[in-house]
């Protein structure tokens, strides 16, 4: 039974527990389906040049991410506390690791949020050229609007997330249906005729598959959004695993349908050479209206992502502060369930990044940090299976140790490859991690603990 509105008030310093599986799935969809799916199908097609291989790459990438989701569902159900990855790292690896993981997670969320609202500004000016605000002004307005929604309370954030994710899913399904039903298709070109040839030789195929899978796995990123709200679910032991796994399965299904639709509408050669394949597919179907169709779809996708990010990021700061790892002021929660000071700090940092950030550099660093978070999560799961076998685990991941080990090895391989190919961004990511050391030292020396801190 849902609590009555009068009951939706949190004691000081505590979050509300009013979320259900519907919100969790909406959070996973809202966090995953964004600008990536508009661009990456062309990158994958360029690497593989063959319809069945392209679909296999998206399915294999989904399976790899699902292995990670099973491990994360186990961690979240066992430790249903707000904050995300930092909760697991602290329990498994200690306070310093917990703070470092939370710090880079919060910075990464703010960077991603800044990029999304700037992208919305660009989409809006392209869709409505006569709008009086320029792109940066629109980005700041969007950021403040969604911050105000969160300030109202958790109920407002929940409703906006569920509505935006539903509209996003329906919009993609409408375009997918149009592609599958209105296009005559390209027959043999689904197998690659008329397009780039598949890589010749086993070595070339493996190299192409690795690059394609990197793009695929990056596109799926965001499925983990429900873990940041772990203690805000009505029944976290059941709701969180269902949200993480169910949400990811919905995302995988949507992504596979998008690629199947693209392969039906576009020749392989055109798909492989396209920066925005969905825009090219829409042009084939809708002619002059195609640009507006895709801009509207991109805006819908991006708005849902903003709502997800601006809900998640404050809960990272809240988790750090409530557990005594950061300034206690950020653990303050309004009766409506909003970690208010953490929300203000998130909005301020994101606004500064909108105004001054070099986004190419920032996103390169953020991509590395996100992989580090996955690695930290998988290592935490393996360590806790060994160190705390008696820890109650309401959900135990099937093949959990092997699943976590596979994802950890994949993350390590990505980090090694990225470090060798992108030294500058790797050093910047390392500097951000190193910055957590003096920050944590200062917190221990001068910081004040928040009420209710604990493991």
Protein backbone atom coordinates (compact mmCIF):
# COMPACT_ATOMS: atom_id res chain seq x y z
CA UNK A 1 0.00 0.00 0.00
CA UNK A 2 1.33 3.46 -0.88
CA UNK A 3 1.74 5.91 1.98
CA UNK A 4 -0.67 8.80 2.07
CA UNK A 5 0.65 12.25 1.10
CA UNK A 6 0.51 13.27 4.75
CA UNK A 7 2.85 10.42 5.58
CA UNK A 8 5.41 11.53 2.96
CA UNK A 9 7.52 13.54 5.37
CA UNK A 10 10.97 12.44 6.47
CA UNK A 11 12.38 12.87 9.98
CA UNK A 12 15.37 15.22 10.06
CA UNK A 13 18.38 13.72 8.30
CA UNK A 14 16.45 10.80 6.80
CA UNK A 15 15.24 10.03 3.30
CA UNK A 16 11.72 8.94 2.41
CA UNK A 17 11.03 5.32 1.50
CA UNK A 18 8.24 5.67 -1.08
CA UNK A 19 9.73 4.41 -4.37
CA UNK A 20 8.71 1.28 -6.22
CA UNK A 21 9.89 -0.86 -9.11
CA UNK A 22 8.17 1.46 -11.60
CA UNK A 23 10.45 4.30 -10.57
CA UNK A 24 13.49 2.01 -10.60
CA UNK A 25 12.86 0.88 -14.17
CA UNK A 26 12.14 4.49 -15.19
CA UNK A 27 15.47 5.51 -13.62
CA UNK A 28 17.37 2.84 -15.54
CA UNK A 29 15.71 3.82 -18.83
CA UNK A 30 16.12 7.52 -18.10
CA UNK A 31 19.80 7.08 -17.25
CA UNK A 32 20.67 4.90 -20.26
CA UNK A 33 18.66 5.96 -23.30
CA UNK A 34 20.14 9.30 -24.33
CA UNK A 35 22.34 10.85 -27.01
CA UNK A 36 24.47 7.70 -27.27
CA UNK A 37 21.88 5.61 -29.08
CA UNK A 38 21.46 8.43 -31.63
CA UNK A 39 25.14 8.18 -32.63
CA UNK A 40 26.79 4.87 -31.78
CA UNK A 41 24.93 2.54 -34.22
CA UNK A 42 26.92 4.14 -37.03
CA UNK A 43 30.21 3.62 -35.20
CA UNK A 44 29.44 -0.04 -34.58
CA UNK A 45 28.34 -0.58 -38.19
CA UNK A 46 31.57 1.03 -39.46
CA UNK A 47 33.63 -1.44 -37.43
CA UNK A 48 31.74 -4.63 -38.33
CA UNK A 49 30.11 -3.99 -41.72
CA UNK A 50 27.64 -6.86 -41.40
CA UNK A 51 24.05 -6.87 -40.12
CA UNK A 52 24.16 -10.08 -38.07
CA UNK A 53 27.54 -9.10 -36.59
CA UNK A 54 26.16 -5.67 -35.65
CA UNK A 55 23.16 -7.17 -33.85
CA UNK A 56 25.42 -9.76 -32.21
CA UNK A 57 27.69 -6.99 -30.87
CA UNK A 58 24.74 -5.16 -29.30
CA UNK A 59 23.42 -8.41 -27.80
CA UNK A 60 26.86 -9.46 -26.50
CA UNK A 61 27.42 -5.99 -25.02
CA UNK A 62 24.04 -6.23 -23.33
CA UNK A 63 24.95 -9.63 -21.88
CA UNK A 64 28.25 -8.25 -20.54
CA UNK A 65 26.46 -5.33 -18.88
CA UNK A 66 23.84 -7.73 -17.50
CA UNK A 67 26.60 -9.69 -15.74
CA UNK A 68 27.63 -6.46 -14.00
CA UNK A 69 24.00 -5.67 -13.18
CA UNK A 70 23.56 -9.03 -11.43
CA UNK A 71 26.56 -8.29 -9.19
CA UNK A 72 25.34 -4.75 -8.48
CA UNK A 73 21.85 -6.02 -7.66
CA UNK A 74 23.40 -8.30 -5.05
CA UNK A 75 25.36 -5.42 -3.51
CA UNK A 76 22.40 -3.06 -3.51
CA UNK A 77 20.01 -5.53 -1.91
CA UNK A 78 22.59 -6.43 0.75
CA UNK A 79 23.43 -2.78 1.54
CA UNK A 80 20.32 -0.70 0.79
CA UNK A 81 21.77 2.73 1.52
CA UNK A 82 21.68 5.87 -0.62
CA UNK A 83 24.90 6.84 -2.36
CA UNK A 84 25.66 4.24 -5.00
CA UNK A 85 29.14 2.82 -5.57
CA UNK A 86 30.67 4.58 -2.56
CA UNK A 87 28.60 2.43 -0.16
CA UNK A 88 30.04 -0.81 -1.55
CA UNK A 89 33.63 0.45 -1.80
CA UNK A 90 33.63 1.71 1.77
CA UNK A 91 32.29 -1.56 3.16
CA UNK A 92 34.74 -3.68 1.17
CA UNK A 93 37.84 -1.50 0.94
CA UNK A 94 37.67 1.08 3.73
CA UNK A 95 36.93 4.78 4.24
CA UNK A 96 39.57 6.19 1.88
CA UNK A 97 38.42 4.01 -1.02
CA UNK A 98 34.79 4.83 -0.20
CA UNK A 99 35.48 8.54 -0.30
CA UNK A 100 37.55 8.37 -3.49
CA UNK A 101 34.83 6.40 -5.28
CA UNK A 102 32.10 8.78 -4.09
CA UNK A 103 34.15 11.83 -5.03
CA UNK A 104 34.84 10.72 -8.61
CA UNK A 105 31.24 9.52 -8.95
CA UNK A 106 29.87 12.92 -7.96
CA UNK A 107 32.28 14.80 -10.23
CA UNK A 108 31.44 12.44 -13.10
CA UNK A 109 27.70 12.96 -12.59
CA UNK A 110 28.08 16.74 -12.56
CA UNK A 111 30.21 16.62 -15.73
CA UNK A 112 27.68 14.42 -17.52
CA UNK A 113 24.79 16.59 -16.34
CA UNK A 114 26.52 19.74 -17.60
CA UNK A 115 27.10 18.18 -21.01
CA UNK A 116 23.47 17.06 -21.30
CA UNK A 117 21.98 20.48 -20.49
CA UNK A 118 24.41 22.15 -22.93
CA UNK A 119 23.29 19.62 -25.56
CA UNK A 120 19.65 20.49 -24.79
CA UNK A 121 20.52 24.15 -25.36
CA UNK A 122 21.96 23.29 -28.78
CA UNK A 123 18.96 21.12 -29.71
CA UNK A 124 16.50 23.81 -28.62
CA UNK A 125 18.13 26.59 -30.64
CA UNK A 126 18.22 24.28 -33.68
CA UNK A 127 14.53 23.42 -33.24
CA UNK A 128 13.41 27.00 -32.44
CA UNK A 129 15.93 29.39 -34.05
CA UNK A 130 13.90 32.45 -32.98
CA UNK A 131 14.14 31.67 -29.27
CA UNK A 132 15.60 34.72 -27.48
CA UNK A 133 18.04 32.77 -25.26
CA UNK A 134 21.31 31.39 -26.60
CA UNK A 135 22.35 27.79 -25.95
CA UNK A 136 24.20 28.40 -22.68
CA UNK A 137 21.29 30.41 -21.27
CA UNK A 138 18.87 27.61 -22.16
CA UNK A 139 21.20 25.07 -20.52
CA UNK A 140 21.22 27.04 -17.26
CA UNK A 141 17.44 27.51 -17.30
CA UNK A 142 16.92 23.76 -17.81
CA UNK A 143 19.36 22.99 -15.00
CA UNK A 144 17.57 25.35 -12.59
CA UNK A 145 14.12 24.08 -13.61
CA UNK A 146 15.01 20.47 -12.81
CA UNK A 147 16.75 21.52 -9.59
CA UNK A 148 13.54 23.24 -8.52
CA UNK A 149 11.55 20.08 -9.27
CA UNK A 150 13.89 18.14 -6.98
CA UNK A 151 13.64 20.87 -4.35
CA UNK A 152 9.89 20.30 -4.19
CA UNK A 153 10.56 16.78 -3.00
CA UNK A 154 11.03 13.12 -3.83
CA UNK A 155 7.43 12.69 -4.95
CA UNK A 156 7.87 15.39 -7.62
CA UNK A 157 11.15 13.84 -8.74
CA UNK A 158 9.55 10.39 -8.91
CA UNK A 159 6.60 11.58 -10.99
CA UNK A 160 8.78 13.56 -13.40
CA UNK A 161 11.13 10.59 -13.86
CA UNK A 162 8.36 8.11 -14.55
CA UNK A 163 6.60 10.49 -16.95
CA UNK A 164 9.75 11.44 -18.89
CA UNK A 165 10.92 7.83 -19.18
CA UNK A 166 7.49 6.69 -20.37
CA UNK A 167 7.36 9.43 -23.01
CA UNK A 168 10.92 8.58 -24.06
CA UNK A 169 10.16 4.87 -24.43
CA UNK A 170 6.96 5.58 -26.38
CA UNK A 171 8.77 8.02 -28.69
CA UNK A 172 11.47 5.48 -29.50
CA UNK A 173 8.90 2.73 -29.98
CA UNK A 174 6.96 4.98 -32.37
CA UNK A 175 10.07 5.60 -34.49
CA UNK A 176 11.03 1.92 -34.37
CA UNK A 177 7.52 0.96 -35.48
CA UNK A 178 7.67 3.44 -38.35
CA UNK A 179 11.00 2.01 -39.49
CA UNK A 180 9.79 -1.58 -39.34
CA UNK A 181 6.33 -1.00 -40.83
CA UNK A 182 6.80 1.83 -43.34
CA UNK A 183 10.15 0.94 -44.88
CA UNK A 184 10.36 -1.74 -47.58
CA UNK A 185 13.82 -2.71 -46.26
CA UNK A 186 17.01 -3.50 -48.12
CA UNK A 187 16.94 -7.27 -48.37
CA UNK A 188 20.47 -8.65 -48.89
CA UNK A 189 22.08 -5.46 -47.52
CA UNK A 190 21.06 -6.61 -44.05
CA UNK A 191 23.87 -9.12 -44.47
CA UNK A 192 26.29 -6.48 -45.57
CA UNK A 193 25.97 -6.35 -49.37
CA UNK A 194 26.75 -2.93 -50.75
CA UNK A 195 28.42 -1.77 -47.53
CA UNK A 196 31.82 -2.10 -45.89
CA UNK A 197 33.11 -5.65 -45.84
CA UNK A 198 33.38 -7.42 -42.51
CA UNK A 199 36.96 -7.49 -41.18
CA UNK A 200 39.02 -10.14 -42.96
CA UNK A 201 40.87 -12.57 -40.74
CA UNK A 202 40.45 -13.53 -37.11
CA UNK A 203 42.79 -10.85 -35.71
CA UNK A 204 41.15 -8.02 -37.64
CA UNK A 205 37.70 -9.23 -36.60
CA UNK A 206 38.68 -9.37 -32.92
CA UNK A 207 40.15 -5.85 -33.03
CA UNK A 208 37.03 -4.49 -34.76
CA UNK A 209 34.78 -6.30 -32.29
CA UNK A 210 36.66 -4.82 -29.32
CA UNK A 211 36.24 -1.26 -30.64
CA UNK A 212 32.58 -1.93 -31.44
CA UNK A 213 31.92 -3.39 -27.98
CA UNK A 214 33.49 -0.35 -26.31
CA UNK A 215 30.94 1.86 -28.08
CA UNK A 216 28.11 -0.56 -27.26
CA UNK A 217 28.92 -0.80 -23.53
CA UNK A 218 29.27 2.99 -23.28
CA UNK A 219 25.81 3.35 -24.81
CA UNK A 220 24.29 1.09 -22.16
CA UNK A 221 25.81 3.17 -19.35
CA UNK A 222 23.26 4.56 -16.90
CA UNK A 223 21.44 1.29 -16.12
CA UNK A 224 22.81 1.47 -12.55
CA UNK A 225 20.81 4.61 -11.65
CA UNK A 226 18.44 2.79 -9.22
CA UNK A 227 21.29 2.00 -6.79
CA UNK A 228 21.56 5.65 -5.77
CA UNK A 229 18.05 5.46 -4.28
CA UNK A 230 18.47 2.10 -2.52
CA UNK A 231 17.02 3.08 0.85
CA UNK A 232 14.21 5.09 -0.74
CA UNK A 233 12.47 1.99 -2.11
CA UNK A 234 9.50 0.59 -0.21
CA UNK A 235 11.04 -2.89 -0.19
CA UNK A 236 14.69 -2.49 -1.24
CA UNK A 237 15.56 -6.18 -0.90
CA UNK A 238 13.04 -6.99 -3.67
CA UNK A 239 12.58 -3.67 -5.48
CA UNK A 240 16.23 -2.86 -6.13
CA UNK A 241 17.22 -6.09 -7.94
CA UNK A 242 14.01 -5.97 -9.96
CA UNK A 243 14.66 -2.34 -10.87
CA UNK A 244 18.31 -2.83 -11.89
CA UNK A 245 17.81 -6.06 -13.83
CA UNK A 246 14.35 -5.27 -15.19
CA UNK A 247 15.37 -1.76 -16.20
CA UNK A 248 18.45 -3.02 -18.01
CA UNK A 249 16.43 -5.67 -19.88
CA UNK A 250 14.06 -2.93 -21.08
CA UNK A 251 17.05 -0.86 -22.23
CA UNK A 252 18.62 -3.83 -24.05
CA UNK A 253 15.32 -4.55 -25.81
CA UNK A 254 14.95 -0.92 -26.94
CA UNK A 255 18.55 -0.74 -28.16
CA UNK A 256 18.26 -3.99 -30.14
CA UNK A 257 14.99 -2.82 -31.70
CA UNK A 258 16.57 0.51 -32.68
CA UNK A 259 19.42 -1.29 -34.45
CA UNK A 260 17.09 -3.76 -36.13
CA UNK A 261 14.98 -0.84 -37.37
CA UNK A 262 18.05 1.00 -38.68
CA UNK A 263 19.24 -2.09 -40.54
CA UNK A 264 15.83 -2.37 -42.20
CA UNK A 265 15.74 1.27 -43.33
CA UNK A 266 19.36 2.11 -44.16
CA UNK A 267 21.84 0.33 -46.41
CA UNK A 268 24.88 -0.85 -44.47
CA UNK A 269 27.12 1.64 -46.29
CA UNK A 270 24.90 4.56 -45.26
CA UNK A 271 24.55 3.32 -41.70
CA UNK A 272 28.32 2.88 -41.34
CA UNK A 273 29.00 6.38 -42.64
CA UNK A 274 26.37 8.18 -40.57
CA UNK A 275 26.99 10.36 -37.52
CA UNK A 276 23.25 10.37 -36.73
CA UNK A 277 21.74 7.18 -38.18
CA UNK A 278 18.30 7.77 -36.68
CA UNK A 279 18.18 11.15 -38.41
CA UNK A 280 19.02 9.48 -41.73
CA UNK A 281 16.37 6.83 -41.13
CA UNK A 282 13.82 9.54 -40.31
CA UNK A 283 14.78 11.41 -43.50
CA UNK A 284 14.04 8.27 -45.51
CA UNK A 285 10.63 7.91 -43.88
CA UNK A 286 9.49 11.49 -43.28
CA UNK A 287 11.44 13.60 -45.78
CA UNK A 288 11.71 17.30 -44.85
CA UNK A 289 10.21 16.67 -41.39
CA UNK A 290 13.03 14.32 -40.41
CA UNK A 291 15.22 16.95 -38.77
CA UNK A 292 12.48 18.09 -36.45
CA UNK A 293 11.46 14.51 -35.64
CA UNK A 294 14.97 13.62 -34.48
CA UNK A 295 15.49 16.90 -32.61
CA UNK A 296 12.28 16.29 -30.67
CA UNK A 297 13.36 12.71 -29.94
CA UNK A 298 16.79 13.93 -28.81
CA UNK A 299 15.22 16.55 -26.55
CA UNK A 300 12.86 14.01 -24.96
CA UNK A 301 15.78 11.63 -24.35
CA UNK A 302 17.97 14.35 -22.88
CA UNK A 303 15.32 15.75 -20.52
CA UNK A 304 14.85 12.32 -18.94
CA UNK A 305 18.61 12.02 -18.52
CA UNK A 306 18.80 15.42 -16.79
CA UNK A 307 16.14 14.40 -14.30
CA UNK A 308 17.93 11.12 -13.54
CA UNK A 309 21.33 12.76 -13.08
CA UNK A 310 20.13 15.62 -10.90
CA UNK A 311 18.37 13.11 -8.66
CA UNK A 312 21.36 10.75 -8.40
CA UNK A 313 24.23 13.20 -7.83
CA UNK A 314 22.99 14.78 -4.56
CA UNK A 315 22.52 11.32 -3.08
CA UNK A 316 26.21 10.60 -3.60
CA UNK A 317 27.14 13.64 -1.50
CA UNK A 318 24.44 12.72 1.00
CA UNK A 319 25.82 9.19 1.35
CA UNK A 320 29.38 10.45 1.84
CA UNK A 321 28.30 13.01 4.44
CA UNK A 322 25.85 10.81 6.32
CA UNK A 323 28.61 8.21 6.73
CA UNK A 324 31.06 10.80 8.08
CA UNK A 325 33.29 10.87 5.00
CA UNK A 326 32.45 14.45 3.97
CA UNK A 327 31.02 17.64 5.43
CA UNK A 328 28.03 16.88 7.63
CA UNK A 329 26.02 19.78 6.16
CA UNK A 330 25.46 17.79 2.96
CA UNK A 331 23.52 15.14 4.90
CA UNK A 332 20.66 17.58 5.59
CA UNK A 333 17.33 16.35 4.20
CA UNK A 334 14.11 18.33 3.84
CA UNK A 335 10.89 16.77 5.14
CA UNK A 336 9.86 16.23 1.50
CA UNK A 337 12.85 13.88 1.06
CA UNK A 338 15.34 16.12 -0.80
CA UNK A 339 19.01 16.25 0.33
CA UNK A 340 18.86 20.01 -0.03
CA UNK A 341 22.46 21.17 0.48
CA UNK A 342 23.76 18.35 -1.68
CA UNK A 343 21.31 19.42 -4.41
CA UNK A 344 22.50 23.05 -4.17
CA UNK A 345 26.17 21.99 -4.39
CA UNK A 346 25.42 19.76 -7.40
CA UNK A 347 23.56 22.57 -9.19
CA UNK A 348 26.32 25.10 -8.51
CA UNK A 349 29.16 22.86 -9.73
CA UNK A 350 27.18 21.82 -12.80
CA UNK A 351 26.38 25.47 -13.60
CA UNK A 352 30.07 26.38 -13.39
CA UNK A 353 30.94 23.52 -15.73
CA UNK A 354 28.27 24.72 -18.18
CA UNK A 355 29.87 28.16 -18.22
CA UNK A 356 33.56 27.29 -18.25
CA UNK A 357 34.21 23.61 -19.06
CA UNK A 358 36.10 22.19 -22.02
CA UNK A 359 33.57 19.44 -22.71
CA UNK A 360 35.72 17.33 -25.01
CA UNK A 361 38.31 17.08 -22.24
CA UNK A 362 35.74 16.73 -19.48
CA UNK A 363 33.86 13.89 -21.14
CA UNK A 364 37.09 12.05 -21.93
CA UNK A 365 38.02 12.16 -18.24
CA UNK A 366 34.47 11.24 -17.13
CA UNK A 367 34.45 8.15 -19.38
CA UNK A 368 37.56 6.86 -17.60
CA UNK A 369 36.10 7.63 -14.18
CA UNK A 370 32.90 5.71 -14.95
CA UNK A 371 34.90 2.60 -15.88
CA UNK A 372 36.81 2.95 -12.63
CA UNK A 373 33.49 2.98 -10.77
CA UNK A 374 32.42 -0.28 -12.42
CA UNK A 375 35.78 -1.80 -11.54
CA UNK A 376 35.45 -0.64 -7.93
CA UNK A 377 31.95 -2.15 -7.75
CA UNK A 378 33.04 -5.54 -9.09
CA UNK A 379 36.10 -5.64 -6.81
CA UNK A 380 33.87 -4.73 -3.85
CA UNK A 381 31.53 -7.59 -4.66
CA UNK A 382 34.41 -10.10 -4.89
CA UNK A 383 36.02 -8.83 -1.67
CA UNK A 384 32.75 -8.97 0.28
CA UNK A 385 32.00 -12.50 -0.95
CA UNK A 386 35.38 -13.49 0.55
CA UNK A 387 35.51 -11.20 3.60
CA UNK A 388 31.85 -11.29 4.67
CA UNK A 389 30.32 -14.56 3.50
CA UNK A 390 27.76 -14.25 6.31
CA UNK A 391 26.47 -10.86 5.07
CA UNK A 392 22.71 -11.24 4.44
CA UNK A 393 22.16 -11.23 0.69
CA UNK A 394 18.44 -11.10 -0.15
CA UNK A 395 19.45 -11.40 -3.81
CA UNK A 396 22.46 -13.54 -4.68
CA UNK A 397 23.74 -13.11 -8.22
CA UNK A 398 23.74 -16.34 -10.24
CA UNK A 399 27.39 -17.11 -11.00
CA UNK A 400 28.17 -13.97 -9.03
CA UNK A 401 31.91 -14.43 -8.58
CA UNK A 402 32.47 -15.31 -12.23
CA UNK A 403 30.15 -12.54 -13.44
CA UNK A 404 31.94 -9.91 -11.35
CA UNK A 405 35.35 -11.24 -12.39
CA UNK A 406 34.48 -11.04 -16.10
CA UNK A 407 33.26 -7.44 -15.80
CA UNK A 408 36.28 -6.49 -13.65
CA UNK A 409 38.69 -7.93 -16.24
CA UNK A 410 36.83 -6.13 -19.03
CA UNK A 411 37.04 -2.85 -17.11
CA UNK A 412 40.75 -3.32 -16.48
CA UNK A 413 41.38 -4.05 -20.15
CA UNK A 414 39.49 -0.89 -21.14
CA UNK A 415 41.47 1.21 -18.64
CA UNK A 416 44.80 -0.13 -19.88
CA UNK A 417 43.86 0.53 -23.51
CA UNK A 418 42.55 4.01 -22.66
CA UNK A 419 45.68 4.89 -20.68
CA UNK A 420 47.89 3.92 -23.60
CA UNK A 421 45.81 5.74 -26.21
CA UNK A 422 44.74 8.82 -24.19
CA UNK A 423 47.52 9.69 -21.78
CA UNK A 424 46.40 13.26 -21.08
CA UNK A 425 42.87 12.39 -19.98
CA UNK A 426 44.21 9.42 -18.01
CA UNK A 427 46.56 11.70 -16.06
CA UNK A 428 43.73 14.16 -15.40
CA UNK A 429 41.52 11.33 -14.12
CA UNK A 430 44.40 10.21 -11.87
CA UNK A 431 44.78 13.77 -10.57
CA UNK A 432 41.09 13.91 -9.65
CA UNK A 433 41.43 10.65 -7.76
CA UNK A 434 44.58 11.90 -6.01
CA UNK A 435 42.70 15.04 -4.96
CA UNK A 436 40.46 12.84 -2.83
CA UNK A 437 43.40 12.11 -0.50
CA UNK A 438 43.89 15.65 0.90
CA UNK A 439 40.12 16.22 0.91
CA UNK A 440 39.56 13.12 3.02
CA UNK A 441 42.49 14.07 5.29
CA UNK A 442 40.99 17.55 5.81
CA UNK A 443 37.59 16.03 6.57
CA UNK A 444 39.09 13.75 9.20
CA UNK A 445 40.96 16.63 10.82
CA UNK A 446 38.37 19.43 10.72
CA UNK A 447 35.09 18.01 9.46
CA UNK A 448 32.03 17.35 11.56
CA UNK A 449 30.18 14.07 11.39
CA UNK A 450 26.58 13.99 10.30
CA UNK A 451 23.86 12.68 12.56
CA UNK A 452 23.04 9.07 11.90
CA UNK A 453 26.38 8.19 10.30
CA UNK A 454 27.37 4.57 10.18
CA UNK A 455 28.02 1.60 8.00
